[in-house]
Amino acid sequence: MFRDGGTFRKVTADAAREAATLTWLREEGLPAAEVLDVGPDWLLTREIIGRTGADPWPPHQQLRVVDAIAEVTGRLHALPVGRCPFDRTLAQTVPQARAAAEAGLVDLDDLDVQRRGSSVGDLLEELTRLRPDMQAREIPVVTHGDWCLPNVLLDPDSIEVVGLVDSARAGRADRYADLALMSRSLSSGELNPQFGSSAADHFLTRCHHDPADNDKIEFYRLLDEFF
């Protein structure tokens, strides 16, 4: 990634997809990064002036950061799902997860704490066992798909969300695809110790999480292990 004169250049194999999703989200009124140009493996966007959710925040601002992220999550999930041209439902993502496993693309050194030491076979077995119930309960909305603190930028003065980035996995999916990853990001003592489990619980409460759907949180965190 390179910054140059008010622009931001990112090298990525998903350049075309990310450009399309950022543009669509921006057209729908979300503060997604503005795409200036795109190539076969690179993306040029206008630089967003702000701090990511993962940056150090003073203690008195941390809850406001979580509230701002919860607010923009609600706006994202309230977009008209029928207009969203990108499909990230389980009918698409589970086969993609299997393909990634078969291609040896699953990073077993980067698993969540509770799955460390698992094999690809272990992950696939768990995914196969849980998928039927999850698919039966799937209620698609518009999701970001990689909803974590580094992918949200906020104005450090107003504590308002001013930018969404890294949206190549955006599309129609159950809202827990986002709630699972953002709550994990907030609660990660390794990556974001400034927040923690209480901040994650606050985020889920603000997003109207039903504890009866705790298994959805675990499932979508499992699915993310393949990507």
C-alpha atoms as a PDB file:
ATOM      1  CA  MET A   1       0.000   0.000   0.000  1.00  0.00           C
ATOM      2  CA  PHE A   2       1.322   3.440  -0.933  1.00  0.00           C
ATOM      3  CA  ARG A   3       0.192   6.997  -0.152  1.00  0.00           C
ATOM      4  CA  ASP A   4       1.039   9.734  -2.639  1.00  0.00           C
ATOM      5  CA  GLY A   5      -0.312  13.272  -2.817  1.00  0.00           C
ATOM      6  CA  GLY A   6      -3.776  12.662  -1.413  1.00  0.00           C
ATOM      7  CA  THR A   7      -4.251   9.252  -3.011  1.00  0.00           C
ATOM      8  CA  PHE A   8      -3.880   5.724  -1.723  1.00  0.00           C
ATOM      9  CA  ARG A   9      -2.635   2.899  -3.949  1.00  0.00           C
ATOM     10  CA  LYS A  10      -3.312  -0.689  -2.912  1.00  0.00           C
ATOM     11  CA  VAL A  11      -1.928  -3.790  -4.605  1.00  0.00           C
ATOM     12  CA  THR A  12      -4.514  -6.580  -4.482  1.00  0.00           C
ATOM     13  CA  ALA A  13      -5.672  -9.500  -6.572  1.00  0.00           C
ATOM     14  CA  ASP A  14      -9.264  -8.417  -5.804  1.00  0.00           C
ATOM     15  CA  ALA A  15      -8.867  -4.942  -7.305  1.00  0.00           C
ATOM     16  CA  ALA A  16     -11.830  -5.114  -9.679  1.00  0.00           C
ATOM     17  CA  ARG A  17     -14.171  -6.555  -7.060  1.00  0.00           C
ATOM     18  CA  GLU A  18     -13.086  -4.059  -4.423  1.00  0.00           C
ATOM     19  CA  ALA A  19     -13.462  -1.145  -6.817  1.00  0.00           C
ATOM     20  CA  ALA A  20     -16.981  -2.273  -7.718  1.00  0.00           C
ATOM     21  CA  THR A  21     -18.096  -2.751  -4.118  1.00  0.00           C
ATOM     22  CA  LEU A  22     -16.601   0.536  -2.911  1.00  0.00           C
ATOM     23  CA  THR A  23     -18.273   2.395  -5.766  1.00  0.00           C
ATOM     24  CA  TRP A  24     -21.654   0.768  -5.112  1.00  0.00           C
ATOM     25  CA  LEU A  25     -21.517   1.443  -1.364  1.00  0.00           C
ATOM     26  CA  ARG A  26     -20.589   5.057  -2.034  1.00  0.00           C
ATOM     27  CA  GLU A  27     -23.470   5.445  -4.484  1.00  0.00           C
ATOM     28  CA  GLU A  28     -25.792   4.117  -1.781  1.00  0.00           C
ATOM     29  CA  GLY A  29     -24.701   6.849   0.631  1.00  0.00           C
ATOM     30  CA  LEU A  30     -22.078   5.069   2.734  1.00  0.00           C
ATOM     31  CA  PRO A  31     -18.689   6.776   3.301  1.00  0.00           C
ATOM     32  CA  ALA A  32     -16.761   4.219   1.270  1.00  0.00           C
ATOM     33  CA  ALA A  33     -13.385   5.168  -0.160  1.00  0.00           C
ATOM     34  CA  GLU A  34     -13.643   6.984  -3.510  1.00  0.00           C
ATOM     35  CA  VAL A  35     -12.188   4.935  -6.363  1.00  0.00           C
ATOM     36  CA  LEU A  36     -10.079   7.009  -8.765  1.00  0.00           C
ATOM     37  CA  ASP A  37      -8.624   4.255 -10.946  1.00  0.00           C
ATOM     38  CA  VAL A  38      -8.217   0.500 -11.029  1.00  0.00           C
ATOM     39  CA  GLY A  39      -5.851  -1.894 -12.774  1.00  0.00           C
ATOM     40  CA  PRO A  40      -5.535  -5.676 -12.988  1.00  0.00           C
ATOM     41  CA  ASP A  41      -3.918  -5.935  -9.555  1.00  0.00           C
ATOM     42  CA  TRP A  42      -4.071  -2.443  -8.071  1.00  0.00           C
ATOM     43  CA  LEU A  43      -6.597   0.058  -6.839  1.00  0.00           C
ATOM     44  CA  LEU A  44      -6.231   3.832  -6.521  1.00  0.00           C
ATOM     45  CA  THR A  45      -8.511   5.664  -4.094  1.00  0.00           C
ATOM     46  CA  ARG A  46      -8.669   9.146  -2.687  1.00  0.00           C
ATOM     47  CA  GLU A  47      -6.934   9.206   0.685  1.00  0.00           C
ATOM     48  CA  ILE A  48      -9.284   9.379   3.660  1.00  0.00           C
ATOM     49  CA  ILE A  49      -8.140  11.690   6.424  1.00  0.00           C
ATOM     50  CA  GLY A  50      -8.905   9.948   9.681  1.00  0.00           C
ATOM     51  CA  ARG A  51      -7.826   7.259  12.118  1.00  0.00           C
ATOM     52  CA  THR A  52      -8.771   3.621  11.943  1.00  0.00           C
ATOM     53  CA  GLY A  53     -10.779   2.009  14.699  1.00  0.00           C
ATOM     54  CA  ALA A  54      -7.667  -0.027  15.521  1.00  0.00           C
ATOM     55  CA  ASP A  55      -5.511   3.057  16.185  1.00  0.00           C
ATOM     56  CA  PRO A  56      -4.897   4.053  19.824  1.00  0.00           C
ATOM     57  CA  TRP A  57      -7.871   6.024  21.166  1.00  0.00           C
ATOM     58  CA  PRO A  58      -7.955   7.897  24.479  1.00  0.00           C
ATOM     59  CA  PRO A  59     -10.058   6.105  27.098  1.00  0.00           C
ATOM     60  CA  HIS A  60     -12.727   8.820  27.093  1.00  0.00           C
ATOM     61  CA  GLN A  61     -13.265   8.348  23.326  1.00  0.00           C
ATOM     62  CA  GLN A  62     -13.286   4.574  23.107  1.00  0.00           C
ATOM     63  CA  LEU A  63     -16.996   4.064  23.773  1.00  0.00           C
ATOM     64  CA  ARG A  64     -17.805   6.796  21.255  1.00  0.00           C
ATOM     65  CA  VAL A  65     -15.729   4.921  18.666  1.00  0.00           C
ATOM     66  CA  VAL A  66     -17.710   1.737  19.327  1.00  0.00           C
ATOM     67  CA  ASP A  67     -21.005   3.658  19.106  1.00  0.00           C
ATOM     68  CA  ALA A  68     -19.978   5.250  15.799  1.00  0.00           C
ATOM     69  CA  ILE A  69     -19.083   1.862  14.341  1.00  0.00           C
ATOM     70  CA  ALA A  70     -22.371   0.381  15.553  1.00  0.00           C
ATOM     71  CA  GLU A  71     -24.250   3.272  13.948  1.00  0.00           C
ATOM     72  CA  VAL A  72     -22.619   2.817  10.549  1.00  0.00           C
ATOM     73  CA  THR A  73     -23.138  -0.949  10.824  1.00  0.00           C
ATOM     74  CA  GLY A  74     -26.856  -0.293  11.133  1.00  0.00           C
ATOM     75  CA  ARG A  75     -26.783   2.016   8.119  1.00  0.00           C
ATOM     76  CA  LEU A  76     -24.946  -0.610   6.081  1.00  0.00           C
ATOM     77  CA  HIS A  77     -27.350  -3.390   7.009  1.00  0.00           C
ATOM     78  CA  ALA A  78     -30.348  -1.157   6.262  1.00  0.00           C
ATOM     79  CA  LEU A  79     -29.389  -0.665   2.603  1.00  0.00           C
ATOM     80  CA  PRO A  80     -31.863  -2.183   0.120  1.00  0.00           C
ATOM     81  CA  VAL A  81     -30.620  -5.741  -0.156  1.00  0.00           C
ATOM     82  CA  GLY A  82     -32.510  -6.293  -3.398  1.00  0.00           C
ATOM     83  CA  ARG A  83     -30.369  -3.646  -5.099  1.00  0.00           C
ATOM     84  CA  CYS A  84     -27.076  -5.181  -3.993  1.00  0.00           C
ATOM     85  CA  PRO A  85     -25.414  -6.916  -6.975  1.00  0.00           C
ATOM     86  CA  PHE A  86     -22.871  -8.866  -4.912  1.00  0.00           C
ATOM     87  CA  ASP A  87     -23.701 -12.314  -3.542  1.00  0.00           C
ATOM     88  CA  ARG A  88     -21.980 -13.465  -0.345  1.00  0.00           C
ATOM     89  CA  THR A  89     -24.676 -15.836   0.850  1.00  0.00           C
ATOM     90  CA  LEU A  90     -23.666 -19.252   2.130  1.00  0.00           C
ATOM     91  CA  ALA A  91     -24.561 -20.799  -1.224  1.00  0.00           C
ATOM     92  CA  GLN A  92     -21.548 -18.884  -2.570  1.00  0.00           C
ATOM     93  CA  THR A  93     -19.157 -18.617   0.357  1.00  0.00           C
ATOM     94  CA  VAL A  94     -19.182 -22.206   1.624  1.00  0.00           C
ATOM     95  CA  PRO A  95     -18.090 -23.610  -1.781  1.00  0.00           C
ATOM     96  CA  GLN A  96     -15.443 -20.880  -1.906  1.00  0.00           C
ATOM     97  CA  ALA A  97     -14.252 -21.924   1.545  1.00  0.00           C
ATOM     98  CA  ARG A  98     -13.973 -25.546   0.403  1.00  0.00           C
ATOM     99  CA  ALA A  99     -12.079 -24.477  -2.699  1.00  0.00           C
ATOM    100  CA  ALA A 100      -9.658 -22.476  -0.558  1.00  0.00           C
ATOM    101  CA  ALA A 101      -9.111 -25.502   1.669  1.00  0.00           C
ATOM    102  CA  GLU A 102      -8.481 -27.782  -1.313  1.00  0.00           C
ATOM    103  CA  ALA A 103      -6.014 -25.261  -2.769  1.00  0.00           C
ATOM    104  CA  GLY A 104      -4.059 -25.095   0.478  1.00  0.00           C
ATOM    105  CA  LEU A 105      -4.926 -21.448   1.045  1.00  0.00           C
ATOM    106  CA  VAL A 106      -6.133 -21.709   4.657  1.00  0.00           C
ATOM    107  CA  ASP A 107      -3.578 -20.102   6.999  1.00  0.00           C
ATOM    108  CA  LEU A 108      -3.476 -22.470   9.968  1.00  0.00           C
ATOM    109  CA  ASP A 109      -1.002 -20.171  11.717  1.00  0.00           C
ATOM    110  CA  ASP A 110      -3.636 -17.420  11.885  1.00  0.00           C
ATOM    111  CA  LEU A 111      -6.583 -19.252  13.420  1.00  0.00           C
ATOM    112  CA  ASP A 112      -8.666 -17.870  16.258  1.00  0.00           C
ATOM    113  CA  VAL A 113      -7.405 -18.873  19.693  1.00  0.00           C
ATOM    114  CA  GLN A 114     -10.021 -21.574  20.246  1.00  0.00           C
ATOM    115  CA  ARG A 115      -9.159 -23.275  16.928  1.00  0.00           C
ATOM    116  CA  ARG A 116      -5.380 -23.131  17.076  1.00  0.00           C
ATOM    117  CA  GLY A 117      -3.953 -26.572  16.470  1.00  0.00           C
ATOM    118  CA  SER A 118      -6.882 -27.559  14.231  1.00  0.00           C
ATOM    119  CA  SER A 119      -6.277 -29.104  10.829  1.00  0.00           C
ATOM    120  CA  VAL A 120      -7.994 -28.083   7.610  1.00  0.00           C
ATOM    121  CA  GLY A 121      -9.980 -31.293   7.917  1.00  0.00           C
ATOM    122  CA  ASP A 122     -11.151 -30.261  11.387  1.00  0.00           C
ATOM    123  CA  LEU A 123     -12.329 -26.908  10.060  1.00  0.00           C
ATOM    124  CA  LEU A 124     -14.137 -28.486   7.116  1.00  0.00           C
ATOM    125  CA  GLU A 125     -15.853 -31.028   9.370  1.00  0.00           C
ATOM    126  CA  GLU A 126     -17.130 -28.263  11.637  1.00  0.00           C
ATOM    127  CA  LEU A 127     -18.265 -26.177   8.668  1.00  0.00           C
ATOM    128  CA  THR A 128     -20.128 -29.149   7.149  1.00  0.00           C
ATOM    129  CA  ARG A 129     -21.810 -29.981  10.446  1.00  0.00           C
ATOM    130  CA  LEU A 130     -23.029 -26.445  11.125  1.00  0.00           C
ATOM    131  CA  ARG A 131     -23.910 -25.264   7.623  1.00  0.00           C
ATOM    132  CA  PRO A 132     -27.439 -26.758   7.234  1.00  0.00           C
ATOM    133  CA  ASP A 133     -28.839 -24.981  10.292  1.00  0.00           C
ATOM    134  CA  MET A 134     -27.063 -21.712   9.459  1.00  0.00           C
ATOM    135  CA  GLN A 135     -28.323 -21.738   5.882  1.00  0.00           C
ATOM    136  CA  ALA A 136     -31.879 -22.401   7.039  1.00  0.00           C
ATOM    137  CA  ARG A 137     -31.673 -19.349   9.324  1.00  0.00           C
ATOM    138  CA  GLU A 138     -29.845 -17.059   6.893  1.00  0.00           C
ATOM    139  CA  ILE A 139     -31.454 -13.613   6.511  1.00  0.00           C
ATOM    140  CA  PRO A 140     -29.418 -11.618   3.979  1.00  0.00           C
ATOM    141  CA  VAL A 141     -28.692  -7.915   4.338  1.00  0.00           C
ATOM    142  CA  VAL A 142     -25.931  -5.820   2.778  1.00  0.00           C
ATOM    143  CA  THR A 143     -22.701  -6.645   4.596  1.00  0.00           C
ATOM    144  CA  HIS A 144     -19.106  -5.445   4.435  1.00  0.00           C
ATOM    145  CA  GLY A 145     -17.700  -8.951   4.730  1.00  0.00           C
ATOM    146  CA  ASP A 146     -14.395  -8.057   6.399  1.00  0.00           C
ATOM    147  CA  TRP A 147     -15.873  -5.906   9.150  1.00  0.00           C
ATOM    148  CA  CYS A 148     -13.043  -5.222  11.582  1.00  0.00           C
ATOM    149  CA  LEU A 149     -11.505  -2.168  13.262  1.00  0.00           C
ATOM    150  CA  PRO A 150      -8.721  -1.484  10.696  1.00  0.00           C
ATOM    151  CA  ASN A 151     -11.313  -1.199   7.912  1.00  0.00           C
ATOM    152  CA  VAL A 152     -13.224   1.688   9.498  1.00  0.00           C
ATOM    153  CA  LEU A 153     -11.811   5.238   9.575  1.00  0.00           C
ATOM    154  CA  LEU A 154     -13.104   7.923  11.924  1.00  0.00           C
ATOM    155  CA  ASP A 155     -12.657  11.656  12.286  1.00  0.00           C
ATOM    156  CA  PRO A 156     -10.566  12.080  15.464  1.00  0.00           C
ATOM    157  CA  ASP A 157     -12.476  15.213  16.496  1.00  0.00           C
ATOM    158  CA  SER A 158     -16.115  14.380  15.788  1.00  0.00           C
ATOM    159  CA  ILE A 159     -15.657  10.597  16.223  1.00  0.00           C
ATOM    160  CA  GLU A 160     -17.803  10.045  13.141  1.00  0.00           C
ATOM    161  CA  VAL A 161     -17.089   7.346  10.580  1.00  0.00           C
ATOM    162  CA  VAL A 162     -15.568   8.970   7.502  1.00  0.00           C
ATOM    163  CA  GLY A 163     -14.350   5.966   5.542  1.00  0.00           C
ATOM    164  CA  LEU A 164     -14.910   2.292   4.823  1.00  0.00           C
ATOM    165  CA  VAL A 165     -12.144   0.346   3.073  1.00  0.00           C
ATOM    166  CA  ASP A 166     -11.169  -3.222   2.095  1.00  0.00           C
ATOM    167  CA  SER A 167     -14.656  -4.127   0.909  1.00  0.00           C
ATOM    168  CA  ALA A 168     -13.865  -6.866  -1.612  1.00  0.00           C
ATOM    169  CA  ARG A 169     -16.024  -9.303   0.385  1.00  0.00           C
ATOM    170  CA  ALA A 170     -19.044  -6.982   0.577  1.00  0.00           C
ATOM    171  CA  GLY A 171     -22.395  -8.314  -0.534  1.00  0.00           C
ATOM    172  CA  ARG A 172     -25.630  -9.993   0.453  1.00  0.00           C
ATOM    173  CA  ALA A 173     -25.134 -12.142   3.561  1.00  0.00           C
ATOM    174  CA  ASP A 174     -26.566 -12.671   7.006  1.00  0.00           C
ATOM    175  CA  ARG A 175     -25.836  -9.666   9.232  1.00  0.00           C
ATOM    176  CA  TYR A 176     -23.939 -11.940  11.594  1.00  0.00           C
ATOM    177  CA  ALA A 177     -21.196 -12.185   8.982  1.00  0.00           C
ATOM    178  CA  ASP A 178     -20.367  -8.624  10.090  1.00  0.00           C
ATOM    179  CA  LEU A 179     -21.349  -8.806  13.757  1.00  0.00           C
ATOM    180  CA  ALA A 180     -19.155 -11.867  14.276  1.00  0.00           C
ATOM    181  CA  LEU A 181     -16.022 -10.273  12.868  1.00  0.00           C
ATOM    182  CA  MET A 182     -16.375  -6.818  14.401  1.00  0.00           C
ATOM    183  CA  SER A 183     -17.116  -8.225  17.862  1.00  0.00           C
ATOM    184  CA  ARG A 184     -14.085 -10.486  17.503  1.00  0.00           C
ATOM    185  CA  SER A 185     -11.955  -7.528  16.445  1.00  0.00           C
ATOM    186  CA  LEU A 186     -13.113  -5.469  19.420  1.00  0.00           C
ATOM    187  CA  SER A 187     -12.560  -8.274  21.910  1.00  0.00           C
ATOM    188  CA  SER A 188      -9.115  -9.303  20.656  1.00  0.00           C
ATOM    189  CA  GLY A 189      -6.672  -8.797  23.488  1.00  0.00           C
ATOM    190  CA  GLU A 190      -3.805  -9.451  21.069  1.00  0.00           C
ATOM    191  CA  LEU A 191      -4.793  -6.947  18.389  1.00  0.00           C
ATOM    192  CA  ASN A 192      -6.966  -4.369  20.149  1.00  0.00           C
ATOM    193  CA  PRO A 193      -6.356  -4.460  23.906  1.00  0.00           C
ATOM    194  CA  GLN A 194      -7.725  -0.930  24.282  1.00  0.00           C
ATOM    195  CA  PHE A 195     -11.268  -2.248  23.779  1.00  0.00           C
ATOM    196  CA  GLY A 196     -11.918  -5.767  25.061  1.00  0.00           C
ATOM    197  CA  SER A 197     -14.938  -7.967  25.692  1.00  0.00           C
ATOM    198  CA  SER A 198     -17.052  -5.228  27.297  1.00  0.00           C
ATOM    199  CA  ALA A 199     -16.694  -3.079  24.170  1.00  0.00           C
ATOM    200  CA  ALA A 200     -17.606  -6.068  22.000  1.00  0.00           C
ATOM    201  CA  ASP A 201     -20.701  -6.704  24.139  1.00  0.00           C
ATOM    202  CA  HIS A 202     -21.646  -3.023  23.869  1.00  0.00           C
ATOM    203  CA  PHE A 203     -21.320  -3.165  20.083  1.00  0.00           C
ATOM    204  CA  LEU A 204     -23.520  -6.263  19.878  1.00  0.00           C
ATOM    205  CA  THR A 205     -26.139  -4.691  22.133  1.00  0.00           C
ATOM    206  CA  ARG A 206     -26.205  -1.564  19.971  1.00  0.00           C
ATOM    207  CA  CYS A 207     -26.674  -3.832  16.928  1.00  0.00           C
ATOM    208  CA  HIS A 208     -29.641  -5.605  18.574  1.00  0.00           C
ATOM    209  CA  HIS A 209     -27.899  -8.939  18.939  1.00  0.00           C
ATOM    210  CA  ASP A 210     -30.130 -11.737  20.215  1.00  0.00           C
ATOM    211  CA  PRO A 211     -28.207 -14.145  22.499  1.00  0.00           C
ATOM    212  CA  ALA A 212     -30.187 -16.944  20.830  1.00  0.00           C
ATOM    213  CA  ASP A 213     -27.967 -16.253  17.806  1.00  0.00           C
ATOM    214  CA  ASN A 214     -24.647 -16.750  19.596  1.00  0.00           C
ATOM    215  CA  ASP A 215     -24.102 -19.822  17.427  1.00  0.00           C
ATOM    216  CA  LYS A 216     -24.256 -17.595  14.343  1.00  0.00           C
ATOM    217  CA  ILE A 217     -21.376 -15.555  15.733  1.00  0.00           C
ATOM    218  CA  GLU A 218     -19.288 -18.696  16.151  1.00  0.00           C
ATOM    219  CA  PHE A 219     -20.218 -20.015  12.708  1.00  0.00           C
ATOM    220  CA  TYR A 220     -19.301 -16.847  10.824  1.00  0.00           C
ATOM    221  CA  ARG A 221     -16.008 -16.627  12.682  1.00  0.00           C
ATOM    222  CA  LEU A 222     -15.355 -20.211  11.578  1.00  0.00           C
ATOM    223  CA  LEU A 223     -16.220 -19.365   7.972  1.00  0.00           C
ATOM    224  CA  ASP A 224     -13.803 -16.443   8.066  1.00  0.00           C
ATOM    225  CA  GLU A 225     -10.925 -18.824   8.836  1.00  0.00           C
ATOM    226  CA  PHE A 226     -11.017 -19.947   5.193  1.00  0.00           C
ATOM    227  CA  PHE A 227     -10.574 -16.480   3.654  1.00  0.00           C
END
